[in-house]
Amino acid sequence: MDDVEYGIRIGLAGHGVYYAGDARVLGQMPVSGRASRTQRERWELGRLSLVRRHAAHLVGEAVRRRSLVLMDLAADLLGPPLSYIALGSIAGFVLAGFRFAAGIGMWWAFVAGA
């Protein structure tokens, strides 16, 4: 079981997870590009599996229990990875810049910013 699923189980049990500044995590990370890609693919597939298994239940329990902890866990699962959000924002601003430079309109910058 990975740390995300463990956090979900702790949340469903009615407890929160807190930052421990003195904690140490030791582990081996992939060194080569290929091994790194394979590891990222495993993480993403594992995350999708967690979404399928837990997201609907977490949202339902969050509403039923009126629990912000469970809603936060559900939002974390359902939200896209931060790298996708950043890439989409950058692409939107570049597109808005091209459209603004072409004289098409400033409103594209506001759309991209949103």
N, C-alpha and C. Protein backbone atom coordinates (compact mmCIF):
# COMPACT_ATOMS: atom_id res chain seq x y z
N MET A 1 0.85 -1.17 0.00
CA MET A 1 0.00 0.00 0.00
C MET A 1 0.90 1.24 0.00
N ASP A 2 0.54 2.21 -0.82
CA ASP A 2 1.38 3.40 -0.88
C ASP A 2 0.90 4.46 0.11
N ASP A 3 1.61 5.57 0.18
CA ASP A 3 1.31 6.59 1.17
C ASP A 3 -0.04 7.27 0.95
N VAL A 4 -0.47 7.44 -0.31
CA VAL A 4 -1.76 8.08 -0.58
C VAL A 4 -2.90 7.21 -0.06
N GLU A 5 -2.84 5.92 -0.36
CA GLU A 5 -3.90 5.03 0.11
C GLU A 5 -3.90 4.93 1.63
N TYR A 6 -2.73 4.93 2.22
CA TYR A 6 -2.65 4.90 3.68
C TYR A 6 -3.28 6.16 4.26
N GLY A 7 -3.03 7.32 3.64
CA GLY A 7 -3.65 8.56 4.09
C GLY A 7 -5.15 8.52 3.98
N ILE A 8 -5.66 7.90 2.91
CA ILE A 8 -7.11 7.75 2.73
C ILE A 8 -7.69 6.90 3.84
N ARG A 9 -7.03 5.80 4.15
CA ARG A 9 -7.53 4.92 5.23
C ARG A 9 -7.52 5.63 6.58
N ILE A 10 -6.48 6.41 6.81
CA ILE A 10 -6.41 7.17 8.07
C ILE A 10 -7.54 8.19 8.12
N GLY A 11 -7.78 8.88 7.00
CA GLY A 11 -8.86 9.87 6.93
C GLY A 11 -10.22 9.25 7.15
N LEU A 12 -10.47 8.10 6.51
CA LEU A 12 -11.76 7.41 6.69
C LEU A 12 -11.94 6.93 8.13
N ALA A 13 -10.83 6.69 8.82
CA ALA A 13 -10.91 6.28 10.22
C ALA A 13 -11.13 7.47 11.15
N GLY A 14 -11.17 8.69 10.58
CA GLY A 14 -11.46 9.87 11.38
C GLY A 14 -10.26 10.62 11.89
N HIS A 15 -9.08 10.34 11.34
CA HIS A 15 -7.86 11.00 11.78
C HIS A 15 -7.26 11.81 10.64
N GLY A 16 -6.48 12.81 11.00
CA GLY A 16 -5.77 13.61 10.00
C GLY A 16 -4.31 13.21 9.91
N VAL A 17 -3.68 13.59 8.84
CA VAL A 17 -2.25 13.36 8.65
C VAL A 17 -1.56 14.70 8.79
N TYR A 18 -0.48 14.75 9.52
CA TYR A 18 0.22 15.99 9.79
C TYR A 18 1.68 15.89 9.36
N TYR A 19 2.26 17.04 9.09
CA TYR A 19 3.66 17.13 8.67
C TYR A 19 4.57 16.84 9.86
N ALA A 20 5.55 16.00 9.63
CA ALA A 20 6.56 15.69 10.65
C ALA A 20 7.91 16.13 10.10
N GLY A 21 8.35 17.29 10.53
CA GLY A 21 9.58 17.88 10.00
C GLY A 21 10.84 17.07 10.27
N ASP A 22 10.84 16.27 11.30
CA ASP A 22 12.03 15.49 11.65
C ASP A 22 12.06 14.12 10.98
N ALA A 23 10.99 13.78 10.26
CA ALA A 23 10.93 12.46 9.62
C ALA A 23 11.95 12.37 8.49
N ARG A 24 12.45 11.19 8.26
CA ARG A 24 13.40 10.92 7.17
C ARG A 24 12.85 9.79 6.32
N VAL A 25 12.97 9.95 5.02
CA VAL A 25 12.54 8.92 4.09
C VAL A 25 13.75 8.48 3.28
N LEU A 26 14.00 7.20 3.30
CA LEU A 26 15.13 6.65 2.56
C LEU A 26 14.60 5.71 1.49
N GLY A 27 15.12 5.83 0.31
CA GLY A 27 14.68 4.96 -0.77
C GLY A 27 15.54 5.16 -1.99
N GLN A 28 15.54 4.17 -2.84
CA GLN A 28 16.31 4.27 -4.07
C GLN A 28 15.41 4.80 -5.17
N MET A 29 15.93 5.73 -5.92
CA MET A 29 15.20 6.31 -7.04
C MET A 29 15.87 5.86 -8.33
N PRO A 30 15.10 5.77 -9.41
CA PRO A 30 15.67 5.37 -10.69
C PRO A 30 16.70 6.39 -11.17
N VAL A 31 17.76 5.89 -11.79
CA VAL A 31 18.83 6.76 -12.24
C VAL A 31 18.71 7.06 -13.73
N SER A 32 18.39 6.06 -14.52
CA SER A 32 18.32 6.26 -15.97
C SER A 32 17.00 6.89 -16.38
N GLY A 33 16.98 7.49 -17.55
CA GLY A 33 15.77 8.10 -18.07
C GLY A 33 14.66 7.09 -18.29
N ARG A 34 15.03 5.93 -18.80
CA ARG A 34 14.03 4.89 -19.07
C ARG A 34 13.40 4.38 -17.77
N ALA A 35 14.24 4.13 -16.78
CA ALA A 35 13.74 3.66 -15.49
C ALA A 35 12.86 4.72 -14.83
N SER A 36 13.23 5.98 -15.00
CA SER A 36 12.46 7.07 -14.43
C SER A 36 11.09 7.16 -15.09
N ARG A 37 11.04 7.02 -16.42
CA ARG A 37 9.76 7.03 -17.14
C ARG A 37 8.87 5.87 -16.68
N THR A 38 9.47 4.70 -16.55
CA THR A 38 8.71 3.53 -16.10
C THR A 38 8.13 3.76 -14.71
N GLN A 39 8.94 4.36 -13.83
CA GLN A 39 8.46 4.64 -12.47
C GLN A 39 7.31 5.63 -12.49
N ARG A 40 7.41 6.69 -13.29
CA ARG A 40 6.32 7.67 -13.38
C ARG A 40 5.05 7.04 -13.93
N GLU A 41 5.19 6.15 -14.91
CA GLU A 41 4.02 5.45 -15.45
C GLU A 41 3.35 4.60 -14.38
N ARG A 42 4.15 3.91 -13.57
CA ARG A 42 3.59 3.11 -12.48
C ARG A 42 2.85 4.00 -11.47
N TRP A 43 3.44 5.15 -11.15
CA TRP A 43 2.79 6.06 -10.21
C TRP A 43 1.47 6.55 -10.76
N GLU A 44 1.45 6.95 -12.03
CA GLU A 44 0.21 7.46 -12.62
C GLU A 44 -0.86 6.38 -12.70
N LEU A 45 -0.48 5.16 -13.09
CA LEU A 45 -1.45 4.07 -13.14
C LEU A 45 -1.97 3.74 -11.75
N GLY A 46 -1.09 3.79 -10.76
CA GLY A 46 -1.51 3.57 -9.38
C GLY A 46 -2.46 4.64 -8.90
N ARG A 47 -2.20 5.87 -9.30
CA ARG A 47 -3.08 6.98 -8.92
C ARG A 47 -4.45 6.81 -9.56
N LEU A 48 -4.48 6.44 -10.84
CA LEU A 48 -5.77 6.21 -11.51
C LEU A 48 -6.55 5.09 -10.82
N SER A 49 -5.86 4.07 -10.40
CA SER A 49 -6.50 2.97 -9.69
C SER A 49 -7.10 3.47 -8.37
N LEU A 50 -6.38 4.33 -7.66
CA LEU A 50 -6.90 4.89 -6.42
C LEU A 50 -8.13 5.76 -6.68
N VAL A 51 -8.12 6.52 -7.77
CA VAL A 51 -9.27 7.35 -8.11
C VAL A 51 -10.49 6.47 -8.33
N ARG A 52 -10.32 5.41 -9.11
CA ARG A 52 -11.44 4.50 -9.39
C ARG A 52 -11.98 3.84 -8.13
N ARG A 53 -11.07 3.46 -7.24
CA ARG A 53 -11.49 2.72 -6.05
C ARG A 53 -12.02 3.60 -4.93
N HIS A 54 -11.51 4.84 -4.80
CA HIS A 54 -11.80 5.60 -3.59
C HIS A 54 -12.50 6.94 -3.79
N ALA A 55 -12.43 7.56 -4.95
CA ALA A 55 -12.91 8.95 -5.09
C ALA A 55 -14.39 9.10 -4.77
N ALA A 56 -15.24 8.29 -5.39
CA ALA A 56 -16.68 8.43 -5.16
C ALA A 56 -17.03 8.18 -3.68
N HIS A 57 -16.42 7.16 -3.10
CA HIS A 57 -16.67 6.85 -1.70
C HIS A 57 -16.22 8.01 -0.80
N LEU A 58 -15.05 8.59 -1.10
CA LEU A 58 -14.56 9.71 -0.29
C LEU A 58 -15.49 10.92 -0.36
N VAL A 59 -15.95 11.25 -1.56
CA VAL A 59 -16.87 12.39 -1.71
C VAL A 59 -18.16 12.11 -0.94
N GLY A 60 -18.70 10.91 -1.09
CA GLY A 60 -19.92 10.56 -0.38
C GLY A 60 -19.76 10.63 1.13
N GLU A 61 -18.66 10.09 1.62
CA GLU A 61 -18.41 10.12 3.07
C GLU A 61 -18.13 11.53 3.56
N ALA A 62 -17.46 12.33 2.74
CA ALA A 62 -17.18 13.72 3.12
C ALA A 62 -18.47 14.49 3.30
N VAL A 63 -19.43 14.28 2.39
CA VAL A 63 -20.72 14.96 2.49
C VAL A 63 -21.52 14.41 3.67
N ARG A 64 -21.55 13.10 3.79
CA ARG A 64 -22.33 12.47 4.86
C ARG A 64 -21.81 12.88 6.24
N ARG A 65 -20.49 12.88 6.40
CA ARG A 65 -19.89 13.20 7.71
C ARG A 65 -19.62 14.70 7.87
N ARG A 66 -19.79 15.46 6.79
CA ARG A 66 -19.42 16.89 6.78
C ARG A 66 -17.97 17.05 7.18
N SER A 67 -17.11 16.28 6.52
CA SER A 67 -15.69 16.23 6.86
C SER A 67 -14.85 16.95 5.80
N LEU A 68 -14.19 18.02 6.23
CA LEU A 68 -13.28 18.72 5.32
C LEU A 68 -12.03 17.88 5.03
N VAL A 69 -11.64 17.05 5.98
CA VAL A 69 -10.48 16.18 5.76
C VAL A 69 -10.75 15.23 4.61
N LEU A 70 -11.91 14.59 4.61
CA LEU A 70 -12.25 13.66 3.54
C LEU A 70 -12.46 14.38 2.22
N MET A 71 -13.05 15.58 2.25
CA MET A 71 -13.23 16.34 1.01
C MET A 71 -11.87 16.75 0.44
N ASP A 72 -10.93 17.08 1.31
CA ASP A 72 -9.58 17.42 0.86
C ASP A 72 -8.90 16.22 0.23
N LEU A 73 -9.06 15.05 0.82
CA LEU A 73 -8.49 13.83 0.25
C LEU A 73 -9.10 13.54 -1.12
N ALA A 74 -10.42 13.72 -1.25
CA ALA A 74 -11.09 13.49 -2.53
C ALA A 74 -10.62 14.49 -3.58
N ALA A 75 -10.50 15.76 -3.20
CA ALA A 75 -10.04 16.78 -4.13
C ALA A 75 -8.62 16.50 -4.59
N ASP A 76 -7.79 16.02 -3.67
CA ASP A 76 -6.42 15.68 -4.04
C ASP A 76 -6.39 14.55 -5.07
N LEU A 77 -7.25 13.58 -4.89
CA LEU A 77 -7.31 12.46 -5.85
C LEU A 77 -7.87 12.90 -7.20
N LEU A 78 -8.90 13.74 -7.18
CA LEU A 78 -9.60 14.09 -8.41
C LEU A 78 -8.91 15.19 -9.21
N GLY A 79 -8.06 15.96 -8.56
CA GLY A 79 -7.36 17.03 -9.26
C GLY A 79 -6.25 16.49 -10.14
N PRO A 80 -6.00 17.14 -11.27
CA PRO A 80 -4.91 16.68 -12.13
C PRO A 80 -3.55 16.98 -11.47
N PRO A 81 -2.52 16.29 -11.91
CA PRO A 81 -1.19 16.59 -11.37
C PRO A 81 -0.82 18.06 -11.62
N LEU A 82 -0.07 18.65 -10.71
CA LEU A 82 0.31 20.06 -10.81
C LEU A 82 1.06 20.36 -12.10
N SER A 83 1.85 19.41 -12.58
CA SER A 83 2.60 19.64 -13.82
C SER A 83 1.64 19.83 -15.00
N TYR A 84 0.51 19.13 -15.02
CA TYR A 84 -0.48 19.31 -16.10
C TYR A 84 -1.12 20.69 -16.02
N ILE A 85 -1.40 21.15 -14.81
CA ILE A 85 -1.99 22.46 -14.63
C ILE A 85 -1.02 23.55 -15.09
N ALA A 86 0.25 23.41 -14.70
CA ALA A 86 1.25 24.40 -15.10
C ALA A 86 1.43 24.40 -16.61
N LEU A 87 1.51 23.23 -17.22
CA LEU A 87 1.67 23.15 -18.67
C LEU A 87 0.47 23.76 -19.39
N GLY A 88 -0.73 23.50 -18.91
CA GLY A 88 -1.93 24.08 -19.52
C GLY A 88 -1.94 25.60 -19.40
N SER A 89 -1.52 26.11 -18.24
CA SER A 89 -1.47 27.56 -18.04
C SER A 89 -0.46 28.22 -18.97
N ILE A 90 0.70 27.61 -19.08
CA ILE A 90 1.73 28.16 -19.97
C ILE A 90 1.24 28.15 -21.42
N ALA A 91 0.65 27.04 -21.84
CA ALA A 91 0.14 26.95 -23.21
C ALA A 91 -0.96 27.99 -23.44
N GLY A 92 -1.82 28.19 -22.46
CA GLY A 92 -2.88 29.19 -22.59
C GLY A 92 -2.34 30.60 -22.72
N PHE A 93 -1.34 30.93 -21.91
CA PHE A 93 -0.76 32.27 -21.98
C PHE A 93 -0.01 32.49 -23.30
N VAL A 94 0.67 31.46 -23.79
CA VAL A 94 1.36 31.59 -25.09
C VAL A 94 0.33 31.81 -26.19
N LEU A 95 -0.72 31.02 -26.20
CA LEU A 95 -1.78 31.20 -27.20
C LEU A 95 -2.41 32.59 -27.10
N ALA A 96 -2.67 33.04 -25.86
CA ALA A 96 -3.24 34.37 -25.67
C ALA A 96 -2.29 35.44 -26.19
N GLY A 97 -1.00 35.26 -25.95
CA GLY A 97 -0.02 36.23 -26.45
C GLY A 97 -0.01 36.32 -27.96
N PHE A 98 -0.07 35.17 -28.62
CA PHE A 98 -0.12 35.17 -30.09
C PHE A 98 -1.38 35.84 -30.59
N ARG A 99 -2.49 35.54 -29.96
CA ARG A 99 -3.76 36.13 -30.40
C ARG A 99 -3.78 37.63 -30.13
N PHE A 100 -3.22 38.05 -29.01
CA PHE A 100 -3.15 39.48 -28.71
C PHE A 100 -2.24 40.20 -29.70
N ALA A 101 -1.09 39.58 -30.01
CA ALA A 101 -0.15 40.18 -30.97
C ALA A 101 -0.78 40.28 -32.36
N ALA A 102 -1.67 39.36 -32.68
CA ALA A 102 -2.34 39.39 -33.98
C ALA A 102 -3.51 40.36 -33.98
N GLY A 103 -3.77 41.01 -32.84
CA GLY A 103 -4.84 41.99 -32.76
C GLY A 103 -6.23 41.39 -32.62
N ILE A 104 -6.31 40.14 -32.18
CA ILE A 104 -7.61 39.47 -32.10
C ILE A 104 -8.37 39.88 -30.84
N GLY A 105 -7.67 40.19 -29.77
CA GLY A 105 -8.38 40.67 -28.59
C GLY A 105 -7.69 40.32 -27.30
N MET A 106 -7.88 41.19 -26.33
CA MET A 106 -7.26 41.01 -25.02
C MET A 106 -8.00 39.99 -24.17
N TRP A 107 -9.25 39.70 -24.46
CA TRP A 107 -10.03 38.80 -23.62
C TRP A 107 -9.44 37.41 -23.55
N TRP A 108 -8.62 37.01 -24.56
CA TRP A 108 -7.97 35.70 -24.52
C TRP A 108 -6.99 35.60 -23.35
N ALA A 109 -6.36 36.70 -23.00
CA ALA A 109 -5.46 36.68 -21.85
C ALA A 109 -6.23 36.40 -20.57
N PHE A 110 -7.42 36.96 -20.46
CA PHE A 110 -8.25 36.70 -19.28
C PHE A 110 -8.73 35.25 -19.25
N VAL A 111 -9.08 34.72 -20.41
CA VAL A 111 -9.50 33.32 -20.48
C VAL A 111 -8.35 32.40 -20.09
N ALA A 112 -7.15 32.67 -20.61
CA ALA A 112 -5.98 31.86 -20.28
C ALA A 112 -5.64 31.96 -18.80
N GLY A 113 -5.79 33.14 -18.23
CA GLY A 113 -5.52 33.32 -16.81
C GLY A 113 -6.48 32.56 -15.92
N ALA A 114 -7.71 32.47 -16.39
CA ALA A 114 -8.71 31.73 -15.62
C ALA A 114 -8.38 30.26 -15.63
